[in-house]
Amino acid sequence: LHEAGTLVFGVGVIWLLSLGVFWRTDALRRFFIALMVSWLLYTT
C-alpha cells in the first residue's frame, strides 16, 4: 500500500508541477504533457 501510495503521490506531483511550469502554455497542451509523463511513470 505504501509503494502504491508513493506512485499515486508522484503522479499527483507531476500534474501539479505541470500547471506551474507550463502555466503560460494553453490548457490542452499542459494536460497532454502531464498525461504523457504520468503514463511513462505508470508503465515503469
All heavy atoms as atom14 arrays in JSON, in Angstrom:
{
  "sequence": "LHEAGTLVFGVGVIWLLSLGVFWRTDALRRFFIALMVSWLLYTT",
  "atom14_mask": [
    [1, 1, 1, 1, 1, 1, 1, 1, 0, 0, 0, 0, 0, 0],
    [1, 1, 1, 1, 1, 1, 1, 1, 1, 1, 0, 0, 0, 0],
    [1, 1, 1, 1, 1, 1, 1, 1, 1, 0, 0, 0, 0, 0],
    [1, 1, 1, 1, 1, 0, 0, 0, 0, 0, 0, 0, 0, 0],
    [1, 1, 1, 1, 0, 0, 0, 0, 0, 0, 0, 0, 0, 0],
    [1, 1, 1, 1, 1, 1, 1, 0, 0, 0, 0, 0, 0, 0],
    [1, 1, 1, 1, 1, 1, 1, 1, 0, 0, 0, 0, 0, 0],
    [1, 1, 1, 1, 1, 1, 1, 0, 0, 0, 0, 0, 0, 0],
    [1, 1, 1, 1, 1, 1, 1, 1, 1, 1, 1, 0, 0, 0],
    [1, 1, 1, 1, 0, 0, 0, 0, 0, 0, 0, 0, 0, 0],
    [1, 1, 1, 1, 1, 1, 1, 0, 0, 0, 0, 0, 0, 0],
    [1, 1, 1, 1, 0, 0, 0, 0, 0, 0, 0, 0, 0, 0],
    [1, 1, 1, 1, 1, 1, 1, 0, 0, 0, 0, 0, 0, 0],
    [1, 1, 1, 1, 1, 1, 1, 1, 0, 0, 0, 0, 0, 0],
    [1, 1, 1, 1, 1, 1, 1, 1, 1, 1, 1, 1, 1, 1],
    [1, 1, 1, 1, 1, 1, 1, 1, 0, 0, 0, 0, 0, 0],
    [1, 1, 1, 1, 1, 1, 1, 1, 0, 0, 0, 0, 0, 0],
    [1, 1, 1, 1, 1, 1, 0, 0, 0, 0, 0, 0, 0, 0],
    [1, 1, 1, 1, 1, 1, 1, 1, 0, 0, 0, 0, 0, 0],
    [1, 1, 1, 1, 0, 0, 0, 0, 0, 0, 0, 0, 0, 0],
    [1, 1, 1, 1, 1, 1, 1, 0, 0, 0, 0, 0, 0, 0],
    [1, 1, 1, 1, 1, 1, 1, 1, 1, 1, 1, 0, 0, 0],
    [1, 1, 1, 1, 1, 1, 1, 1, 1, 1, 1, 1, 1, 1],
    [1, 1, 1, 1, 1, 1, 1, 1, 1, 1, 1, 0, 0, 0],
    [1, 1, 1, 1, 1, 1, 1, 0, 0, 0, 0, 0, 0, 0],
    [1, 1, 1, 1, 1, 1, 1, 1, 0, 0, 0, 0, 0, 0],
    [1, 1, 1, 1, 1, 0, 0, 0, 0, 0, 0, 0, 0, 0],
    [1, 1, 1, 1, 1, 1, 1, 1, 0, 0, 0, 0, 0, 0],
    [1, 1, 1, 1, 1, 1, 1, 1, 1, 1, 1, 0, 0, 0],
    [1, 1, 1, 1, 1, 1, 1, 1, 1, 1, 1, 0, 0, 0],
    [1, 1, 1, 1, 1, 1, 1, 1, 1, 1, 1, 0, 0, 0],
    [1, 1, 1, 1, 1, 1, 1, 1, 1, 1, 1, 0, 0, 0],
    [1, 1, 1, 1, 1, 1, 1, 1, 0, 0, 0, 0, 0, 0],
    [1, 1, 1, 1, 1, 0, 0, 0, 0, 0, 0, 0, 0, 0],
    [1, 1, 1, 1, 1, 1, 1, 1, 0, 0, 0, 0, 0, 0],
    [1, 1, 1, 1, 1, 1, 1, 1, 0, 0, 0, 0, 0, 0],
    [1, 1, 1, 1, 1, 1, 1, 0, 0, 0, 0, 0, 0, 0],
    [1, 1, 1, 1, 1, 1, 0, 0, 0, 0, 0, 0, 0, 0],
    [1, 1, 1, 1, 1, 1, 1, 1, 1, 1, 1, 1, 1, 1],
    [1, 1, 1, 1, 1, 1, 1, 1, 0, 0, 0, 0, 0, 0],
    [1, 1, 1, 1, 1, 1, 1, 1, 0, 0, 0, 0, 0, 0],
    [1, 1, 1, 1, 1, 1, 1, 1, 1, 1, 1, 1, 0, 0],
    [1, 1, 1, 1, 1, 1, 1, 0, 0, 0, 0, 0, 0, 0],
    [1, 1, 1, 1, 1, 1, 1, 0, 0, 0, 0, 0, 0, 0]
  ],
  "atom14_positions": [
    [[0.83, -1.2, 0.0], [0.0, 0.0, 0.0], [0.87, 1.25, 0.0], [0.57, 2.23, -0.7], [-0.93, 0.0, 1.21], [-1.8, 1.25, 1.41], [-2.7, 1.48, 0.2], [-2.63, 1.12, 2.68], [0.0, 0.0, 0.0], [0.0, 0.0, 0.0], [0.0, 0.0, 0.0], [0.0, 0.0, 0.0], [0.0, 0.0, 0.0], [0.0, 0.0, 0.0]],
    [[1.94, 1.23, 0.76], [2.82, 2.4, 0.82], [3.52, 2.63, -0.53], [3.68, 3.78, -0.95], [3.85, 2.21, 1.93], [3.23, 2.07, 3.29], [3.9, 1.53, 4.36], [1.99, 2.38, 3.75], [3.11, 1.53, 5.42], [1.93, 2.03, 5.07], [0.0, 0.0, 0.0], [0.0, 0.0, 0.0], [0.0, 0.0, 0.0], [0.0, 0.0, 0.0]],
    [[3.91, 1.55, -1.19], [4.51, 1.69, -2.52], [3.52, 2.29, -3.51], [3.86, 3.2, -4.27], [4.98, 0.32, -3.03], [6.26, -0.18, -2.41], [6.71, -1.48, -3.03], [5.84, -2.25, -3.5], [7.92, -1.74, -3.04], [0.0, 0.0, 0.0], [0.0, 0.0, 0.0], [0.0, 0.0, 0.0], [0.0, 0.0, 0.0], [0.0, 0.0, 0.0]],
    [[2.29, 1.76, -3.47], [1.26, 2.3, -4.37], [0.97, 3.76, -4.04], [0.75, 4.58, -4.94], [-0.02, 1.46, -4.26], [0.0, 0.0, 0.0], [0.0, 0.0, 0.0], [0.0, 0.0, 0.0], [0.0, 0.0, 0.0], [0.0, 0.0, 0.0], [0.0, 0.0, 0.0], [0.0, 0.0, 0.0], [0.0, 0.0, 0.0], [0.0, 0.0, 0.0]],
    [[0.99, 4.1, -2.75], [0.78, 5.49, -2.36], [1.87, 6.41, -2.89], [1.59, 7.54, -3.32], [0.0, 0.0, 0.0], [0.0, 0.0, 0.0], [0.0, 0.0, 0.0], [0.0, 0.0, 0.0], [0.0, 0.0, 0.0], [0.0, 0.0, 0.0], [0.0, 0.0, 0.0], [0.0, 0.0, 0.0], [0.0, 0.0, 0.0], [0.0, 0.0, 0.0]],
    [[3.1, 5.92, -2.88], [4.21, 6.71, -3.44], [4.0, 6.97, -4.92], [4.24, 8.08, -5.43], [5.54, 5.99, -3.21], [5.74, 5.8, -1.8], [6.71, 6.78, -3.78], [0.0, 0.0, 0.0], [0.0, 0.0, 0.0], [0.0, 0.0, 0.0], [0.0, 0.0, 0.0], [0.0, 0.0, 0.0], [0.0, 0.0, 0.0], [0.0, 0.0, 0.0]],
    [[3.54, 5.94, -5.64], [3.29, 6.1, -7.07], [2.19, 7.13, -7.31], [2.35, 8.04, -8.14], [2.88, 4.75, -7.68], [2.41, 4.78, -9.14], [3.55, 5.19, -10.05], [1.84, 3.42, -9.55], [0.0, 0.0, 0.0], [0.0, 0.0, 0.0], [0.0, 0.0, 0.0], [0.0, 0.0, 0.0], [0.0, 0.0, 0.0], [0.0, 0.0, 0.0]],
    [[1.07, 7.0, -6.59], [-0.05, 7.93, -6.79], [0.36, 9.35, -6.41], [0.03, 10.31, -7.1], [-1.27, 7.45, -5.97], [-2.39, 8.48, -6.04], [-1.77, 6.1, -6.48], [0.0, 0.0, 0.0], [0.0, 0.0, 0.0], [0.0, 0.0, 0.0], [0.0, 0.0, 0.0], [0.0, 0.0, 0.0], [0.0, 0.0, 0.0], [0.0, 0.0, 0.0]],
    [[1.09, 9.49, -5.31], [1.56, 10.81, -4.89], [2.47, 11.41, -5.96], [2.36, 12.6, -6.29], [2.32, 10.69, -3.55], [2.81, 12.0, -3.01], [1.98, 12.79, -2.23], [4.09, 12.45, -3.3], [2.43, 14.01, -1.73], [4.55, 13.67, -2.81], [3.72, 14.45, -2.03], [0.0, 0.0, 0.0], [0.0, 0.0, 0.0], [0.0, 0.0, 0.0]],
    [[3.37, 10.59, -6.52], [4.27, 11.08, -7.56], [3.53, 11.56, -8.79], [3.87, 12.6, -9.37], [0.0, 0.0, 0.0], [0.0, 0.0, 0.0], [0.0, 0.0, 0.0], [0.0, 0.0, 0.0], [0.0, 0.0, 0.0], [0.0, 0.0, 0.0], [0.0, 0.0, 0.0], [0.0, 0.0, 0.0], [0.0, 0.0, 0.0], [0.0, 0.0, 0.0]],
    [[2.49, 10.82, -9.18], [1.7, 11.24, -10.34], [0.99, 12.56, -10.03], [0.92, 13.46, -10.87], [0.69, 10.14, -10.72], [-0.26, 10.65, -11.81], [1.41, 8.89, -11.2], [0.0, 0.0, 0.0], [0.0, 0.0, 0.0], [0.0, 0.0, 0.0], [0.0, 0.0, 0.0], [0.0, 0.0, 0.0], [0.0, 0.0, 0.0], [0.0, 0.0, 0.0]],
    [[0.48, 12.69, -8.8], [-0.16, 13.95, -8.42], [0.79, 15.12, -8.47], [0.42, 16.23, -8.92], [0.0, 0.0, 0.0], [0.0, 0.0, 0.0], [0.0, 0.0, 0.0], [0.0, 0.0, 0.0], [0.0, 0.0, 0.0], [0.0, 0.0, 0.0], [0.0, 0.0, 0.0], [0.0, 0.0, 0.0], [0.0, 0.0, 0.0], [0.0, 0.0, 0.0]],
    [[2.03, 14.91, -8.03], [3.04, 15.98, -8.1], [3.32, 16.35, -9.56], [3.49, 17.54, -9.88], [4.33, 15.54, -7.38], [5.47, 16.53, -7.65], [4.08, 15.42, -5.88], [0.0, 0.0, 0.0], [0.0, 0.0, 0.0], [0.0, 0.0, 0.0], [0.0, 0.0, 0.0], [0.0, 0.0, 0.0], [0.0, 0.0, 0.0], [0.0, 0.0, 0.0]],
    [[3.37, 15.36, -10.44], [3.58, 15.64, -11.86], [2.47, 16.55, -12.39], [2.74, 17.53, -13.1], [3.62, 14.32, -12.66], [4.93, 13.58, -12.37], [3.48, 14.58, -14.16], [4.97, 12.18, -12.93], [0.0, 0.0, 0.0], [0.0, 0.0, 0.0], [0.0, 0.0, 0.0], [0.0, 0.0, 0.0], [0.0, 0.0, 0.0], [0.0, 0.0, 0.0]],
    [[1.23, 16.25, -12.04], [0.12, 17.08, -12.52], [0.18, 18.49, -11.94], [-0.12, 19.46, -12.62], [-1.21, 16.4, -12.19], [-1.51, 15.28, -13.13], [-1.02, 14.01, -13.07], [-2.33, 15.34, -14.3], [-1.49, 13.26, -14.13], [-2.29, 14.05, -14.9], [-3.09, 16.33, -14.89], [-2.99, 13.75, -16.06], [-3.8, 16.03, -16.06], [-3.74, 14.76, -16.62]],
    [[0.6, 18.59, -10.69], [0.7, 19.9, -10.06], [1.85, 20.71, -10.66], [1.69, 21.9, -10.97], [0.88, 19.74, -8.55], [0.75, 21.02, -7.71], [-0.64, 21.64, -7.88], [1.0, 20.7, -6.24], [0.0, 0.0, 0.0], [0.0, 0.0, 0.0], [0.0, 0.0, 0.0], [0.0, 0.0, 0.0], [0.0, 0.0, 0.0], [0.0, 0.0, 0.0]],
    [[3.01, 20.08, -10.85], [4.17, 20.77, -11.42], [3.9, 21.21, -12.85], [4.35, 22.28, -13.27], [5.39, 19.86, -11.38], [6.06, 19.67, -10.01], [7.2, 18.66, -10.12], [6.57, 21.0, -9.48], [0.0, 0.0, 0.0], [0.0, 0.0, 0.0], [0.0, 0.0, 0.0], [0.0, 0.0, 0.0], [0.0, 0.0, 0.0], [0.0, 0.0, 0.0]],
    [[3.16, 20.39, -13.59], [2.88, 20.74, -14.99], [2.08, 22.04, -15.07], [2.23, 22.82, -16.02], [2.14, 19.61, -15.69], [0.87, 19.39, -15.1], [0.0, 0.0, 0.0], [0.0, 0.0, 0.0], [0.0, 0.0, 0.0], [0.0, 0.0, 0.0], [0.0, 0.0, 0.0], [0.0, 0.0, 0.0], [0.0, 0.0, 0.0], [0.0, 0.0, 0.0]],
    [[1.24, 22.3, -14.08], [0.49, 23.56, -14.05], [1.42, 24.74, -13.82], [1.29, 25.79, -14.46], [-0.57, 23.52, -12.96], [-1.92, 22.9, -13.3], [-2.8, 22.85, -12.06], [-2.62, 23.66, -14.41], [0.0, 0.0, 0.0], [0.0, 0.0, 0.0], [0.0, 0.0, 0.0], [0.0, 0.0, 0.0], [0.0, 0.0, 0.0], [0.0, 0.0, 0.0]],
    [[2.36, 24.57, -12.88], [3.26, 25.68, -12.57], [4.28, 25.94, -13.66], [4.49, 27.08, -14.09], [0.0, 0.0, 0.0], [0.0, 0.0, 0.0], [0.0, 0.0, 0.0], [0.0, 0.0, 0.0], [0.0, 0.0, 0.0], [0.0, 0.0, 0.0], [0.0, 0.0, 0.0], [0.0, 0.0, 0.0], [0.0, 0.0, 0.0], [0.0, 0.0, 0.0]],
    [[4.92, 24.87, -14.14], [5.99, 25.02, -15.13], [5.44, 25.5, -16.47], [6.08, 26.31, -17.15], [6.74, 23.68, -15.29], [7.78, 23.78, -16.41], [7.42, 23.3, -13.98], [0.0, 0.0, 0.0], [0.0, 0.0, 0.0], [0.0, 0.0, 0.0], [0.0, 0.0, 0.0], [0.0, 0.0, 0.0], [0.0, 0.0, 0.0], [0.0, 0.0, 0.0]],
    [[4.28, 25.01, -16.85], [3.73, 25.32, -18.17], [2.49, 26.21, -18.06], [1.55, 26.1, -18.85], [3.39, 24.03, -18.92], [4.55, 23.09, -19.06], [4.55, 21.87, -18.4], [5.65, 23.44, -19.81], [5.62, 21.0, -18.5], [6.73, 22.57, -19.93], [6.72, 21.35, -19.27], [0.0, 0.0, 0.0], [0.0, 0.0, 0.0], [0.0, 0.0, 0.0]],
    [[2.5, 27.1, -17.07], [1.32, 27.93, -16.85], [1.0, 28.81, -18.05], [-0.16, 29.08, -18.34], [1.53, 28.8, -15.61], [0.35, 29.67, -15.3], [0.24, 31.01, -15.48], [-0.9, 29.23, -14.79], [-1.0, 31.45, -15.11], [-1.74, 30.37, -14.68], [-1.43, 27.99, -14.42], [-3.04, 30.29, -14.21], [-2.73, 27.92, -13.95], [-3.51, 29.06, -13.85]],
    [[2.02, 29.27, -18.75], [1.78, 30.15, -19.9], [1.39, 29.38, -21.16], [1.08, 29.98, -22.19], [3.03, 30.99, -20.18], [3.36, 31.97, -19.06], [4.59, 32.8, -19.42], [4.93, 33.73, -18.36], [4.4, 34.94, -18.22], [3.49, 35.34, -19.08], [4.76, 35.72, -17.23], [0.0, 0.0, 0.0], [0.0, 0.0, 0.0], [0.0, 0.0, 0.0]],
    [[1.44, 28.06, -21.07], [1.03, 27.22, -22.19], [-0.48, 27.0, -22.14], [-1.08, 27.05, -21.06], [1.75, 25.86, -22.12], [3.16, 26.09, -22.03], [1.46, 25.01, -23.33], [0.0, 0.0, 0.0], [0.0, 0.0, 0.0], [0.0, 0.0, 0.0], [0.0, 0.0, 0.0], [0.0, 0.0, 0.0], [0.0, 0.0, 0.0], [0.0, 0.0, 0.0]],
    [[-1.11, 26.74, -23.29], [-2.56, 26.56, -23.27], [-2.93, 25.31, -22.49], [-2.14, 24.37, -22.35], [-3.12, 26.53, -24.69], [-2.72, 25.28, -25.46], [-3.33, 24.24, -25.24], [-1.77, 25.36, -26.27], [0.0, 0.0, 0.0], [0.0, 0.0, 0.0], [0.0, 0.0, 0.0], [0.0, 0.0, 0.0], [0.0, 0.0, 0.0], [0.0, 0.0, 0.0]],
    [[-4.16, 25.29, -21.99], [-4.61, 24.26, -21.05], [-4.53, 22.86, -21.64], [-4.16, 21.9, -20.95], [-6.04, 24.57, -20.61], [0.0, 0.0, 0.0], [0.0, 0.0, 0.0], [0.0, 0.0, 0.0], [0.0, 0.0, 0.0], [0.0, 0.0, 0.0], [0.0, 0.0, 0.0], [0.0, 0.0, 0.0], [0.0, 0.0, 0.0], [0.0, 0.0, 0.0]],
    [[-4.89, 22.72, -22.91], [-4.91, 21.4, -23.54], [-3.49, 20.83, -23.64], [-3.27, 19.64, -23.42], [-5.55, 21.49, -24.92], [-6.04, 20.19, -25.54], [-7.07, 19.52, -24.65], [-6.63, 20.45, -26.92], [0.0, 0.0, 0.0], [0.0, 0.0, 0.0], [0.0, 0.0, 0.0], [0.0, 0.0, 0.0], [0.0, 0.0, 0.0], [0.0, 0.0, 0.0]],
    [[-2.53, 21.7, -23.95], [-1.14, 21.25, -24.06], [-0.59, 20.83, -22.7], [0.13, 19.84, -22.58], [-0.29, 22.36, -24.68], [0.95, 21.87, -25.4], [1.59, 23.0, -26.19], [0.68, 23.48, -27.23], [0.91, 24.56, -27.95], [2.0, 25.29, -27.74], [0.05, 24.94, -28.89], [0.0, 0.0, 0.0], [0.0, 0.0, 0.0], [0.0, 0.0, 0.0]],
    [[-0.91, 21.6, -21.66], [-0.49, 21.24, -20.3], [-1.05, 19.87, -19.92], [-0.35, 19.03, -19.34], [-0.99, 22.27, -19.29], [-0.25, 23.57, -19.24], [-0.55, 24.3, -17.93], [-1.98, 24.49, -17.71], [-2.65, 25.6, -18.03], [-2.01, 26.61, -18.6], [-3.94, 25.7, -17.78], [0.0, 0.0, 0.0], [0.0, 0.0, 0.0], [0.0, 0.0, 0.0]],
    [[-2.32, 19.66, -20.23], [-2.98, 18.41, -19.9], [-2.28, 17.25, -20.61], [-2.04, 16.19, -20.02], [-4.45, 18.48, -20.31], [-5.32, 17.45, -19.66], [-5.97, 17.73, -18.47], [-5.51, 16.21, -20.24], [-6.79, 16.78, -17.86], [-6.31, 15.26, -19.64], [-6.96, 15.54, -18.45], [0.0, 0.0, 0.0], [0.0, 0.0, 0.0], [0.0, 0.0, 0.0]],
    [[-1.93, 17.46, -21.86], [-1.26, 16.42, -22.65], [0.09, 16.07, -22.05], [0.44, 14.89, -21.9], [-1.1, 16.9, -24.1], [-0.49, 15.87, -25.01], [-1.28, 14.91, -25.62], [0.87, 15.85, -25.27], [-0.73, 13.96, -26.45], [1.43, 14.91, -26.1], [0.63, 13.96, -26.7], [0.0, 0.0, 0.0], [0.0, 0.0, 0.0], [0.0, 0.0, 0.0]],
    [[0.88, 17.09, -21.69], [2.21, 16.84, -21.12], [2.1, 16.06, -19.81], [2.83, 15.07, -19.6], [2.94, 18.19, -20.88], [3.26, 18.85, -22.22], [4.22, 17.97, -20.07], [3.75, 20.28, -22.08], [0.0, 0.0, 0.0], [0.0, 0.0, 0.0], [0.0, 0.0, 0.0], [0.0, 0.0, 0.0], [0.0, 0.0, 0.0], [0.0, 0.0, 0.0]],
    [[1.2, 16.48, -18.94], [1.03, 15.78, -17.66], [0.61, 14.33, -17.86], [1.11, 13.42, -17.18], [0.0, 16.51, -16.8], [0.0, 0.0, 0.0], [0.0, 0.0, 0.0], [0.0, 0.0, 0.0], [0.0, 0.0, 0.0], [0.0, 0.0, 0.0], [0.0, 0.0, 0.0], [0.0, 0.0, 0.0], [0.0, 0.0, 0.0], [0.0, 0.0, 0.0]],
    [[-0.29, 14.1, -18.82], [-0.77, 12.74, -19.07], [0.34, 11.85, -19.61], [0.5, 10.7, -19.18], [-1.95, 12.78, -20.04], [-2.64, 11.43, -20.3], [-3.28, 10.91, -19.03], [-3.69, 11.57, -21.4], [0.0, 0.0, 0.0], [0.0, 0.0, 0.0], [0.0, 0.0, 0.0], [0.0, 0.0, 0.0], [0.0, 0.0, 0.0], [0.0, 0.0, 0.0]],
    [[1.15, 12.36, -20.53], [2.21, 11.54, -21.12], [3.28, 11.19, -20.08], [3.74, 10.04, -20.02], [2.85, 12.28, -22.3], [1.92, 12.51, -23.49], [1.19, 11.01, -24.22], [-0.51, 11.16, -23.67], [0.0, 0.0, 0.0], [0.0, 0.0, 0.0], [0.0, 0.0, 0.0], [0.0, 0.0, 0.0], [0.0, 0.0, 0.0], [0.0, 0.0, 0.0]],
    [[3.69, 12.17, -19.27], [4.7, 11.89, -18.25], [4.15, 10.9, -17.22], [4.86, 9.97, -16.79], [5.17, 13.19, -17.56], [6.15, 12.89, -16.44], [5.81, 14.13, -18.58], [0.0, 0.0, 0.0], [0.0, 0.0, 0.0], [0.0, 0.0, 0.0], [0.0, 0.0, 0.0], [0.0, 0.0, 0.0], [0.0, 0.0, 0.0], [0.0, 0.0, 0.0]],
    [[2.9, 11.07, -16.84], [2.27, 10.15, -15.88], [2.22, 8.74, -16.45], [2.45, 7.75, -15.74], [0.85, 10.63, -15.54], [0.88, 11.9, -14.96], [0.0, 0.0, 0.0], [0.0, 0.0, 0.0], [0.0, 0.0, 0.0], [0.0, 0.0, 0.0], [0.0, 0.0, 0.0], [0.0, 0.0, 0.0], [0.0, 0.0, 0.0], [0.0, 0.0, 0.0]],
    [[1.92, 8.64, -17.73], [1.84, 7.33, -18.37], [3.19, 6.62, -18.35], [3.27, 5.42, -18.06], [1.33, 7.47, -19.8], [1.24, 6.17, -20.53], [2.07, 5.71, -21.52], [0.28, 5.12, -20.32], [1.68, 4.46, -21.93], [0.58, 4.08, -21.22], [-0.81, 4.99, -19.48], [-0.16, 2.91, -21.27], [-1.56, 3.82, -19.53], [-1.23, 2.8, -20.42]],
    [[4.27, 7.36, -18.62], [5.61, 6.76, -18.58], [5.96, 6.29, -17.17], [6.59, 5.24, -17.0], [6.65, 7.76, -19.08], [6.58, 8.1, -20.58], [7.6, 9.17, -20.92], [6.82, 6.86, -21.43], [0.0, 0.0, 0.0], [0.0, 0.0, 0.0], [0.0, 0.0, 0.0], [0.0, 0.0, 0.0], [0.0, 0.0, 0.0], [0.0, 0.0, 0.0]],
    [[5.57, 7.06, -16.17], [5.82, 6.65, -14.79], [5.03, 5.39, -14.44], [5.55, 4.46, -13.8], [5.45, 7.79, -13.84], [5.75, 7.55, -12.35], [7.24, 7.41, -12.12], [5.19, 8.69, -11.49], [0.0, 0.0, 0.0], [0.0, 0.0, 0.0], [0.0, 0.0, 0.0], [0.0, 0.0, 0.0], [0.0, 0.0, 0.0], [0.0, 0.0, 0.0]],
    [[3.78, 5.34, -14.89], [2.93, 4.18, -14.61], [3.47, 2.92, -15.27], [3.48, 1.84, -14.67], [1.51, 4.45, -15.08], [0.61, 3.24, -15.06], [0.18, 2.69, -13.86], [0.22, 2.62, -16.25], [-0.63, 1.56, -13.83], [-0.59, 1.5, -16.24], [-1.0, 0.97, -15.03], [-1.79, -0.15, -15.02], [0.0, 0.0, 0.0], [0.0, 0.0, 0.0]],
    [[3.93, 3.02, -16.52], [4.38, 1.84, -17.26], [5.79, 1.41, -16.89], [6.3, 0.43, -17.46], [4.3, 2.08, -18.77], [5.03, 3.26, -19.11], [2.85, 2.24, -19.21], [0.0, 0.0, 0.0], [0.0, 0.0, 0.0], [0.0, 0.0, 0.0], [0.0, 0.0, 0.0], [0.0, 0.0, 0.0], [0.0, 0.0, 0.0], [0.0, 0.0, 0.0]],
    [[6.42, 2.08, -15.98], [7.74, 1.66, -15.5], [7.65, 1.34, -14.01], [7.51, 0.19, -13.62], [8.8, 2.75, -15.78], [8.3, 4.03, -15.32], [9.08, 2.86, -17.27], [0.0, 0.0, 0.0], [0.0, 0.0, 0.0], [0.0, 0.0, 0.0], [0.0, 0.0, 0.0], [0.0, 0.0, 0.0], [0.0, 0.0, 0.0], [0.0, 0.0, 0.0]]
  ]
}
